[in-house]
């Protein structure tokens, strides 16, 4: 079960980083980054964020320092979603409901890292 959940979590990061941001198949992500960090450098920042998300998926799959990885994931997801909720909720897929999805993902990450 733990391995399957790890793969699921890694896929979430990989799809969001590679498909949505690096390949720009979901342009809304760049609009959100632009709204938060400024439109002038939104393309570059979106690519950097996407690359970091791909690296996060690799870290998850590696299993190295799993508890630290989980804590960082939860912190990043929480911070990112609170900022998006306040500044760019109109651009989010589920609008203000995105934060509920994010907290569910954080719960899955926590349970997988510290309970399973």
Protein backbone atom coordinates (compact mmCIF):
# COMPACT_ATOMS: atom_id res chain seq x y z
CA UNK A 1 0.00 0.00 0.00
CA UNK A 2 2.78 2.43 0.96
CA UNK A 3 4.55 1.95 -2.40
CA UNK A 4 1.34 2.45 -4.40
CA UNK A 5 0.52 5.66 -2.51
CA UNK A 6 4.12 6.86 -2.99
CA UNK A 7 3.80 6.35 -6.73
CA UNK A 8 0.46 8.19 -6.77
CA UNK A 9 1.94 11.17 -4.88
CA UNK A 10 5.01 11.23 -7.13
CA UNK A 11 2.75 11.18 -10.20
CA UNK A 12 0.82 14.20 -8.89
CA UNK A 13 4.08 16.16 -8.66
CA UNK A 14 5.36 14.85 -11.98
CA UNK A 15 2.18 15.66 -13.91
CA UNK A 16 1.87 19.12 -12.38
CA UNK A 17 5.54 19.89 -12.93
CA UNK A 18 6.30 18.31 -16.29
CA UNK A 19 2.99 18.24 -18.13
CA UNK A 20 1.32 21.36 -16.75
CA UNK A 21 4.31 23.66 -16.30
CA UNK A 22 7.32 22.51 -18.33
CA UNK A 23 5.29 21.46 -21.37
CA UNK A 24 2.81 24.30 -20.67
CA UNK A 25 -0.15 22.07 -21.50
CA UNK A 26 -2.13 23.92 -18.82
CA UNK A 27 -1.40 27.63 -19.48
CA UNK A 28 -3.48 28.57 -16.42
CA UNK A 29 -0.47 27.62 -14.28
CA UNK A 30 1.63 30.37 -15.84
CA UNK A 31 -1.21 32.85 -15.33
CA UNK A 32 -1.33 31.92 -11.64
CA UNK A 33 2.45 32.30 -11.30
CA UNK A 34 2.24 35.63 -13.11
CA UNK A 35 -0.48 36.89 -10.81
CA UNK A 36 1.56 35.96 -7.73
CA UNK A 37 5.17 36.65 -8.79
CA UNK A 38 4.63 39.13 -11.63
CA UNK A 39 3.86 38.62 -15.28
CA UNK A 40 7.23 39.85 -16.50
CA UNK A 41 9.05 36.71 -15.40
CA UNK A 42 6.09 34.31 -15.18
CA UNK A 43 7.39 32.07 -17.99
CA UNK A 44 10.77 31.59 -16.30
CA UNK A 45 9.35 31.16 -12.80
CA UNK A 46 6.79 28.65 -14.08
CA UNK A 47 9.55 26.58 -15.68
CA UNK A 48 11.65 26.70 -12.48
CA UNK A 49 8.66 25.65 -10.36
CA UNK A 50 7.89 22.86 -12.84
CA UNK A 51 11.48 21.59 -12.70
CA UNK A 52 11.40 21.63 -8.89
CA UNK A 53 8.15 19.65 -8.94
CA UNK A 54 9.75 17.05 -11.21
CA UNK A 55 12.68 16.84 -8.79
CA UNK A 56 10.20 16.42 -5.91
CA UNK A 57 8.66 13.44 -7.70
CA UNK A 58 12.12 11.90 -8.08
CA UNK A 59 12.84 12.49 -4.37
CA UNK A 60 9.57 10.80 -3.41
CA UNK A 61 10.34 7.74 -5.54
CA UNK A 62 13.91 7.56 -4.21
CA UNK A 63 12.68 7.06 -0.65
CA UNK A 64 15.63 9.06 0.71
CA UNK A 65 14.78 10.98 3.90
CA UNK A 66 11.07 10.17 3.44
CA UNK A 67 9.83 11.94 6.60
CA UNK A 68 11.66 15.15 5.64
CA UNK A 69 10.34 14.85 2.10
CA UNK A 70 6.79 14.53 3.43
CA UNK A 71 7.16 17.54 5.72
CA UNK A 72 8.51 19.67 2.88
CA UNK A 73 5.71 18.53 0.57
CA UNK A 74 3.06 19.41 3.13
CA UNK A 75 4.66 22.81 3.80
CA UNK A 76 4.98 23.63 0.09
CA UNK A 77 1.45 22.50 -0.77
CA UNK A 78 -0.04 24.41 2.17
CA UNK A 79 1.89 27.61 1.50
CA UNK A 80 1.29 27.50 -2.25
CA UNK A 81 -2.43 26.90 -1.85
CA UNK A 82 -2.96 29.57 0.78
CA UNK A 83 -1.22 32.11 -1.47
CA UNK A 84 -3.24 30.98 -4.50
CA UNK A 85 -6.45 31.05 -2.44
CA UNK A 86 -5.85 34.68 -1.49
CA UNK A 87 -4.34 36.04 -4.71
CA UNK A 88 -5.51 33.89 -7.62
CA UNK A 89 -8.50 31.76 -6.61
CA UNK A 90 -10.39 32.83 -9.74
CA UNK A 91 -7.72 31.08 -11.87
CA UNK A 92 -7.77 27.79 -9.97
CA UNK A 93 -9.46 24.71 -11.43
CA UNK A 94 -11.85 24.34 -8.48
CA UNK A 95 -11.68 28.01 -7.44
CA UNK A 96 -11.60 28.31 -3.65
CA UNK A 97 -12.37 24.58 -3.40
CA UNK A 98 -8.81 23.87 -4.52
CA UNK A 99 -7.65 24.30 -0.94
CA UNK A 100 -9.83 21.33 0.10
CA UNK A 101 -8.18 19.12 -2.54
CA UNK A 102 -4.77 20.36 -1.40
CA UNK A 103 -5.46 19.53 2.24
CA UNK A 104 -6.68 16.07 1.27
CA UNK A 105 -3.40 15.53 -0.59
CA UNK A 106 -1.50 16.73 2.49
CA UNK A 107 -3.44 14.23 4.61
CA UNK A 108 -2.55 11.41 2.18
CA UNK A 109 1.12 12.45 2.29
CA UNK A 110 1.10 12.56 6.10
CA UNK A 111 -0.64 9.20 6.49
CA UNK A 112 1.67 7.57 3.93
CA UNK A 113 4.84 8.92 5.55
CA UNK A 114 4.02 8.61 9.23
CA UNK A 115 1.27 6.02 9.64
CA UNK A 116 1.53 3.41 6.87
